Amino acid sequence: MKIIVSDSGIGISKEDQEKIFDRFYRADKARSRDQGGSGLGLSICKWIVQAHRGHISVESDLGKGSIFTVTLPL
């Protein structure tokens, strides 16, 4: 099964794409914990997907948005 989620947001740099699934990583260095976000959301997604023997990936271009793909075995 494949699940695809896309947005038309600000996008994620190639450098950050390698790190966004790491715990506590936040691509936007200007954001603080006071403004929300702990850098755990995508790490938790990755953990859940892997616990179900799946894979999660991202394709993104700055200024154009992101596409997240989750692949799970049936």
PDB file of N, CA and C in Angstrom:
ATOM      1  N   MET A   1       0.850  -1.165   0.000  1.00  0.00           N
ATOM      2  CA  MET A   1       0.000   0.000   0.000  1.00  0.00           C
ATOM      3  C   MET A   1       0.898   1.231   0.000  1.00  0.00           C
ATOM      4  N   LYS A   2       0.510   2.217  -0.771  1.00  0.00           N
ATOM      5  CA  LYS A   2       1.264   3.464  -0.850  1.00  0.00           C
ATOM      6  C   LYS A   2       0.345   4.627  -0.495  1.00  0.00           C
ATOM      7  N   ILE A   3       0.825   5.489   0.409  1.00  0.00           N
ATOM      8  CA  ILE A   3       0.096   6.684   0.821  1.00  0.00           C
ATOM      9  C   ILE A   3       0.966   7.883   0.448  1.00  0.00           C
ATOM     10  N   ILE A   4       0.381   8.830  -0.270  1.00  0.00           N
ATOM     11  CA  ILE A   4       1.120  10.019  -0.688  1.00  0.00           C
ATOM     12  C   ILE A   4       0.422  11.259  -0.146  1.00  0.00           C
ATOM     13  N   VAL A   5       1.210  12.106   0.517  1.00  0.00           N
ATOM     14  CA  VAL A   5       0.694  13.370   1.065  1.00  0.00           C
ATOM     15  C   VAL A   5       1.550  14.482   0.488  1.00  0.00           C
ATOM     16  N   SER A   6       0.896  15.484  -0.096  1.00  0.00           N
ATOM     17  CA  SER A   6       1.656  16.590  -0.678  1.00  0.00           C
ATOM     18  C   SER A   6       1.122  17.927  -0.198  1.00  0.00           C
ATOM     19  N   ASP A   7       1.979  18.932  -0.308  1.00  0.00           N
ATOM     20  CA  ASP A   7       1.556  20.287   0.037  1.00  0.00           C
ATOM     21  C   ASP A   7       2.185  21.256  -0.951  1.00  0.00           C
ATOM     22  N   SER A   8       1.759  22.485  -0.888  1.00  0.00           N
ATOM     23  CA  SER A   8       2.323  23.524  -1.757  1.00  0.00           C
ATOM     24  C   SER A   8       2.993  24.588  -0.897  1.00  0.00           C
ATOM     25  N   GLY A   9       3.619  24.133   0.179  1.00  0.00           N
ATOM     26  CA  GLY A   9       4.255  25.043   1.128  1.00  0.00           C
ATOM     27  C   GLY A   9       5.601  25.556   0.654  1.00  0.00           C
ATOM     28  N   ILE A  10       6.443  25.924   1.623  1.00  0.00           N
ATOM     29  CA  ILE A  10       7.730  26.545   1.310  1.00  0.00           C
ATOM     30  C   ILE A  10       8.781  25.557   0.834  1.00  0.00           C
ATOM     31  N   GLY A  11       8.550  24.269   1.013  1.00  0.00           N
ATOM     32  CA  GLY A  11       9.512  23.256   0.594  1.00  0.00           C
ATOM     33  C   GLY A  11      10.604  23.038   1.625  1.00  0.00           C
ATOM     34  N   ILE A  12      11.426  22.043   1.365  1.00  0.00           N
ATOM     35  CA  ILE A  12      12.506  21.657   2.281  1.00  0.00           C
ATOM     36  C   ILE A  12      13.779  21.565   1.457  1.00  0.00           C
ATOM     37  N   SER A  13      14.843  22.178   1.935  1.00  0.00           N
ATOM     38  CA  SER A  13      16.109  22.140   1.200  1.00  0.00           C
ATOM     39  C   SER A  13      16.632  20.710   1.119  1.00  0.00           C
ATOM     40  N   LYS A  14      17.451  20.442   0.099  1.00  0.00           N
ATOM     41  CA  LYS A  14      18.048  19.105  -0.071  1.00  0.00           C
ATOM     42  C   LYS A  14      18.850  18.723   1.167  1.00  0.00           C
ATOM     43  N   GLU A  15      19.563  19.682   1.726  1.00  0.00           N
ATOM     44  CA  GLU A  15      20.368  19.426   2.931  1.00  0.00           C
ATOM     45  C   GLU A  15      19.488  18.999   4.102  1.00  0.00           C
ATOM     46  N   ASP A  16      18.371  19.683   4.297  1.00  0.00           N
ATOM     47  CA  ASP A  16      17.475  19.371   5.407  1.00  0.00           C
ATOM     48  C   ASP A  16      16.700  18.073   5.198  1.00  0.00           C
ATOM     49  N   GLN A  17      16.452  17.693   3.947  1.00  0.00           N
ATOM     50  CA  GLN A  17      15.691  16.477   3.664  1.00  0.00           C
ATOM     51  C   GLN A  17      16.360  15.247   4.262  1.00  0.00           C
ATOM     52  N   GLU A  18      17.683  15.259   4.351  1.00  0.00           N
ATOM     53  CA  GLU A  18      18.418  14.132   4.916  1.00  0.00           C
ATOM     54  C   GLU A  18      18.239  14.031   6.425  1.00  0.00           C
ATOM     55  N   LYS A  19      17.793  15.106   7.079  1.00  0.00           N
ATOM     56  CA  LYS A  19      17.765  15.163   8.536  1.00  0.00           C
ATOM     57  C   LYS A  19      16.364  15.263   9.133  1.00  0.00           C
ATOM     58  N   ILE A  20      15.340  15.548   8.342  1.00  0.00           N
ATOM     59  CA  ILE A  20      14.028  15.870   8.909  1.00  0.00           C
ATOM     60  C   ILE A  20      13.376  14.717   9.658  1.00  0.00           C
ATOM     61  N   PHE A  21      13.834  13.488   9.427  1.00  0.00           N
ATOM     62  CA  PHE A  21      13.263  12.358  10.143  1.00  0.00           C
ATOM     63  C   PHE A  21      14.027  12.058  11.437  1.00  0.00           C
ATOM     64  N   ASP A  22      15.068  12.844  11.738  1.00  0.00           N
ATOM     65  CA  ASP A  22      15.832  12.691  12.982  1.00  0.00           C
ATOM     66  C   ASP A  22      15.093  13.360  14.134  1.00  0.00           C
ATOM     67  N   ARG A  23      15.173  12.753  15.306  1.00  0.00           N
ATOM     68  CA  ARG A  23      14.498  13.334  16.468  1.00  0.00           C
ATOM     69  C   ARG A  23      15.060  14.714  16.794  1.00  0.00           C
ATOM     70  N   PHE A  24      14.172  15.617  17.129  1.00  0.00           N
ATOM     71  CA  PHE A  24      14.464  16.980  17.582  1.00  0.00           C
ATOM     72  C   PHE A  24      15.035  17.895  16.493  1.00  0.00           C
ATOM     73  N   TYR A  25      15.105  17.424  15.264  1.00  0.00           N
ATOM     74  CA  TYR A  25      15.632  18.280  14.196  1.00  0.00           C
ATOM     75  C   TYR A  25      14.538  19.223  13.707  1.00  0.00           C
ATOM     76  N   ARG A  26      14.876  20.492  13.602  1.00  0.00           N
ATOM     77  CA  ARG A  26      13.966  21.491  13.045  1.00  0.00           C
ATOM     78  C   ARG A  26      14.704  22.236  11.942  1.00  0.00           C
ATOM     79  N   ALA A  27      14.154  22.219  10.750  1.00  0.00           N
ATOM     80  CA  ALA A  27      14.806  22.868   9.616  1.00  0.00           C
ATOM     81  C   ALA A  27      14.841  24.380   9.779  1.00  0.00           C
ATOM     82  N   ASP A  28      13.790  24.947  10.375  1.00  0.00           N
ATOM     83  CA  ASP A  28      13.703  26.400  10.544  1.00  0.00           C
ATOM     84  C   ASP A  28      14.361  26.775  11.863  1.00  0.00           C
ATOM     85  N   LYS A  29      15.599  27.229  11.788  1.00  0.00           N
ATOM     86  CA  LYS A  29      16.363  27.566  12.999  1.00  0.00           C
ATOM     87  C   LYS A  29      15.767  28.754  13.756  1.00  0.00           C
ATOM     88  N   ALA A  30      14.927  29.548  13.093  1.00  0.00           N
ATOM     89  CA  ALA A  30      14.341  30.728  13.732  1.00  0.00           C
ATOM     90  C   ALA A  30      13.217  30.354  14.700  1.00  0.00           C
ATOM     91  N   ARG A  31      12.649  29.153  14.543  1.00  0.00           N
ATOM     92  CA  ARG A  31      11.544  28.748  15.424  1.00  0.00           C
ATOM     93  C   ARG A  31      12.087  28.277  16.757  1.00  0.00           C
ATOM     94  N   SER A  32      11.411  28.663  17.806  1.00  0.00           N
ATOM     95  CA  SER A  32      11.793  28.192  19.131  1.00  0.00           C
ATOM     96  C   SER A  32      10.688  27.292  19.657  1.00  0.00           C
ATOM     97  N   ARG A  33      10.974  26.594  20.726  1.00  0.00           N
ATOM     98  CA  ARG A  33       9.956  25.718  21.325  1.00  0.00           C
ATOM     99  C   ARG A  33       8.747  26.523  21.786  1.00  0.00           C
ATOM    100  N   ASP A  34       8.968  27.797  22.138  1.00  0.00           N
ATOM    101  CA  ASP A  34       7.863  28.646  22.592  1.00  0.00           C
ATOM    102  C   ASP A  34       6.838  28.866  21.477  1.00  0.00           C
ATOM    103  N   GLN A  35       7.270  28.807  20.235  1.00  0.00           N
ATOM    104  CA  GLN A  35       6.378  29.025  19.102  1.00  0.00           C
ATOM    105  C   GLN A  35       5.713  27.735  18.648  1.00  0.00           C
ATOM    106  N   GLY A  36       6.022  26.650  19.292  1.00  0.00           N
ATOM    107  CA  GLY A  36       5.418  25.364  18.941  1.00  0.00           C
ATOM    108  C   GLY A  36       6.369  24.477  18.185  1.00  0.00           C
ATOM    109  N   GLY A  37       6.157  23.204  18.351  1.00  0.00           N
ATOM    110  CA  GLY A  37       6.989  22.230  17.658  1.00  0.00           C
ATOM    111  C   GLY A  37       8.195  21.819  18.472  1.00  0.00           C
ATOM    112  N   SER A  38       8.419  20.517  18.515  1.00  0.00           N
ATOM    113  CA  SER A  38       9.560  19.996  19.250  1.00  0.00           C
ATOM    114  C   SER A  38      10.511  19.238  18.343  1.00  0.00           C
ATOM    115  N   GLY A  39      10.178  19.147  17.065  1.00  0.00           N
ATOM    116  CA  GLY A  39      11.019  18.404  16.145  1.00  0.00           C
ATOM    117  C   GLY A  39      10.838  16.902  16.263  1.00  0.00           C
ATOM    118  N   LEU A  40       9.696  16.460  16.755  1.00  0.00           N
ATOM    119  CA  LEU A  40       9.454  15.028  16.931  1.00  0.00           C
ATOM    120  C   LEU A  40       8.466  14.440  15.930  1.00  0.00           C
ATOM    121  N   GLY A  41       7.657  15.248  15.291  1.00  0.00           N
ATOM    122  CA  GLY A  41       6.570  14.753  14.450  1.00  0.00           C
ATOM    123  C   GLY A  41       6.996  13.774  13.379  1.00  0.00           C
ATOM    124  N   LEU A  42       7.965  14.144  12.545  1.00  0.00           N
ATOM    125  CA  LEU A  42       8.387  13.258  11.467  1.00  0.00           C
ATOM    126  C   LEU A  42       9.189  12.079  11.985  1.00  0.00           C
ATOM    127  N   SER A  43       9.876  12.255  13.102  1.00  0.00           N
ATOM    128  CA  SER A  43      10.580  11.141  13.725  1.00  0.00           C
ATOM    129  C   SER A  43       9.590  10.077  14.202  1.00  0.00           C
ATOM    130  N   ILE A  44       8.494  10.511  14.782  1.00  0.00           N
ATOM    131  CA  ILE A  44       7.448   9.581  15.232  1.00  0.00           C
ATOM    132  C   ILE A  44       6.807   8.902  14.023  1.00  0.00           C
ATOM    133  N   CYS A  45       6.558   9.655  12.958  1.00  0.00           N
ATOM    134  CA  CYS A  45       6.012   9.048  11.729  1.00  0.00           C
ATOM    135  C   CYS A  45       6.940   7.953  11.218  1.00  0.00           C
ATOM    136  N   LYS A  46       8.226   8.250  11.176  1.00  0.00           N
ATOM    137  CA  LYS A  46       9.195   7.264  10.698  1.00  0.00           C
ATOM    138  C   LYS A  46       9.166   6.015  11.578  1.00  0.00           C
ATOM    139  N   TRP A  47       9.126   6.198  12.883  1.00  0.00           N
ATOM    140  CA  TRP A  47       9.106   5.062  13.814  1.00  0.00           C
ATOM    141  C   TRP A  47       7.866   4.191  13.578  1.00  0.00           C
ATOM    142  N   ILE A  48       6.711   4.817  13.428  1.00  0.00           N
ATOM    143  CA  ILE A  48       5.464   4.062  13.202  1.00  0.00           C
ATOM    144  C   ILE A  48       5.542   3.284  11.889  1.00  0.00           C
ATOM    145  N   VAL A  49       5.999   3.952  10.840  1.00  0.00           N
ATOM    146  CA  VAL A  49       6.091   3.300   9.533  1.00  0.00           C
ATOM    147  C   VAL A  49       7.067   2.118   9.598  1.00  0.00           C
ATOM    148  N   GLN A  50       8.217   2.300  10.218  1.00  0.00           N
ATOM    149  CA  GLN A  50       9.190   1.222  10.325  1.00  0.00           C
ATOM    150  C   GLN A  50       8.688   0.081  11.200  1.00  0.00           C
ATOM    151  N   ALA A  51       7.913   0.409  12.234  1.00  0.00           N
ATOM    152  CA  ALA A  51       7.343  -0.631  13.098  1.00  0.00           C
ATOM    153  C   ALA A  51       6.388  -1.528  12.320  1.00  0.00           C
ATOM    154  N   HIS A  52       5.852  -1.008  11.227  1.00  0.00           N
ATOM    155  CA  HIS A  52       4.954  -1.784  10.366  1.00  0.00           C
ATOM    156  C   HIS A  52       5.687  -2.292   9.120  1.00  0.00           C
ATOM    157  N   ARG A  53       7.019  -2.314   9.199  1.00  0.00           N
ATOM    158  CA  ARG A  53       7.899  -2.796   8.122  1.00  0.00           C
ATOM    159  C   ARG A  53       7.731  -2.002   6.825  1.00  0.00           C
ATOM    160  N   GLY A  54       7.520  -0.715   6.977  1.00  0.00           N
ATOM    161  CA  GLY A  54       7.345   0.146   5.817  1.00  0.00           C
ATOM    162  C   GLY A  54       8.497   1.110   5.633  1.00  0.00           C
ATOM    163  N   HIS A  55       8.283   2.054   4.741  1.00  0.00           N
ATOM    164  CA  HIS A  55       9.299   3.052   4.394  1.00  0.00           C
ATOM    165  C   HIS A  55       8.610   4.401   4.181  1.00  0.00           C
ATOM    166  N   ILE A  56       9.267   5.469   4.634  1.00  0.00           N
ATOM    167  CA  ILE A  56       8.762   6.830   4.422  1.00  0.00           C
ATOM    168  C   ILE A  56       9.862   7.643   3.743  1.00  0.00           C
ATOM    169  N   SER A  57       9.465   8.472   2.788  1.00  0.00           N
ATOM    170  CA  SER A  57      10.442   9.301   2.091  1.00  0.00           C
ATOM    171  C   SER A  57       9.826  10.656   1.756  1.00  0.00           C
ATOM    172  N   VAL A  58      10.685  11.586   1.366  1.00  0.00           N
ATOM    173  CA  VAL A  58      10.233  12.929   1.005  1.00  0.00           C
ATOM    174  C   VAL A  58      10.911  13.365  -0.283  1.00  0.00           C
ATOM    175  N   GLU A  59      10.161  14.075  -1.102  1.00  0.00           N
ATOM    176  CA  GLU A  59      10.685  14.792  -2.261  1.00  0.00           C
ATOM    177  C   GLU A  59      10.217  16.226  -2.088  1.00  0.00           C
ATOM    178  N   SER A  60      11.128  17.157  -2.237  1.00  0.00           N
ATOM    179  CA  SER A  60      10.739  18.543  -1.998  1.00  0.00           C
ATOM    180  C   SER A  60      11.620  19.500  -2.791  1.00  0.00           C
ATOM    181  N   ASP A  61      11.033  20.601  -3.201  1.00  0.00           N
ATOM    182  CA  ASP A  61      11.748  21.689  -3.859  1.00  0.00           C
ATOM    183  C   ASP A  61      11.387  22.976  -3.136  1.00  0.00           C
ATOM    184  N   LEU A  62      12.402  23.763  -2.832  1.00  0.00           N
ATOM    185  CA  LEU A  62      12.147  25.035  -2.155  1.00  0.00           C
ATOM    186  C   LEU A  62      11.205  25.897  -2.990  1.00  0.00           C
ATOM    187  N   GLY A  63      10.215  26.442  -2.337  1.00  0.00           N
ATOM    188  CA  GLY A  63       9.244  27.300  -2.996  1.00  0.00           C
ATOM    189  C   GLY A  63       8.141  26.575  -3.736  1.00  0.00           C
ATOM    190  N   LYS A  64       8.207  25.242  -3.775  1.00  0.00           N
ATOM    191  CA  LYS A  64       7.210  24.488  -4.529  1.00  0.00           C
ATOM    192  C   LYS A  64       6.430  23.483  -3.682  1.00  0.00           C
ATOM    193  N   GLY A  65       6.912  23.159  -2.496  1.00  0.00           N
ATOM    194  CA  GLY A  65       6.198  22.214  -1.646  1.00  0.00           C
ATOM    195  C   GLY A  65       6.907  20.880  -1.509  1.00  0.00           C
ATOM    196  N   SER A  66       6.228  19.950  -0.853  1.00  0.00           N
ATOM    197  CA  SER A  66       6.809  18.656  -0.526  1.00  0.00           C
ATOM    198  C   SER A  66       5.831  17.533  -0.831  1.00  0.00           C
ATOM    199  N   ILE A  67       6.396  16.363  -1.096  1.00  0.00           N
ATOM    200  CA  ILE A  67       5.604  15.144  -1.289  1.00  0.00           C
ATOM    201  C   ILE A  67       6.193  14.083  -0.378  1.00  0.00           C
ATOM    202  N   PHE A  68       5.387  13.601   0.560  1.00  0.00           N
ATOM    203  CA  PHE A  68       5.798  12.532   1.457  1.00  0.00           C
ATOM    204  C   PHE A  68       5.126  11.242   0.978  1.00  0.00           C
ATOM    205  N   THR A  69       5.910  10.174   0.894  1.00  0.00           N
ATOM    206  CA  THR A  69       5.400   8.899   0.452  1.00  0.00           C
ATOM    207  C   THR A  69       5.645   7.852   1.540  1.00  0.00           C
ATOM    208  N   VAL A  70       4.583   7.176   1.942  1.00  0.00           N
ATOM    209  CA  VAL A  70       4.661   6.075   2.901  1.00  0.00           C
ATOM    210  C   VAL A  70       4.294   4.801   2.159  1.00  0.00           C
ATOM    211  N   THR A  71       5.170   3.811   2.235  1.00  0.00           N
ATOM    212  CA  THR A  71       4.921   2.521   1.604  1.00  0.00           C
ATOM    213  C   THR A  71       4.854   1.476   2.707  1.00  0.00           C
ATOM    214  N   LEU A  72       3.749   0.732   2.755  1.00  0.00           N
ATOM    215  CA  LEU A  72       3.542  -0.314   3.749  1.00  0.00           C
ATOM    216  C   LEU A  72       3.257  -1.637   3.063  1.00  0.00           C
ATOM    217  N   PRO A  73       3.786  -2.746   3.623  1.00  0.00           N
ATOM    218  CA  PRO A  73       3.461  -4.039   3.038  1.00  0.00           C
ATOM    219  C   PRO A  73       2.008  -4.404   3.317  1.00  0.00           C
ATOM    220  N   LEU A  74       1.403  -5.131   2.407  1.00  0.00           N
ATOM    221  CA  LEU A  74       0.014  -5.559   2.611  1.00  0.00           C
ATOM    222  C   LEU A  74      -0.052  -6.836   3.390  1.00  0.00           C
TER     223      LEU A  74
END
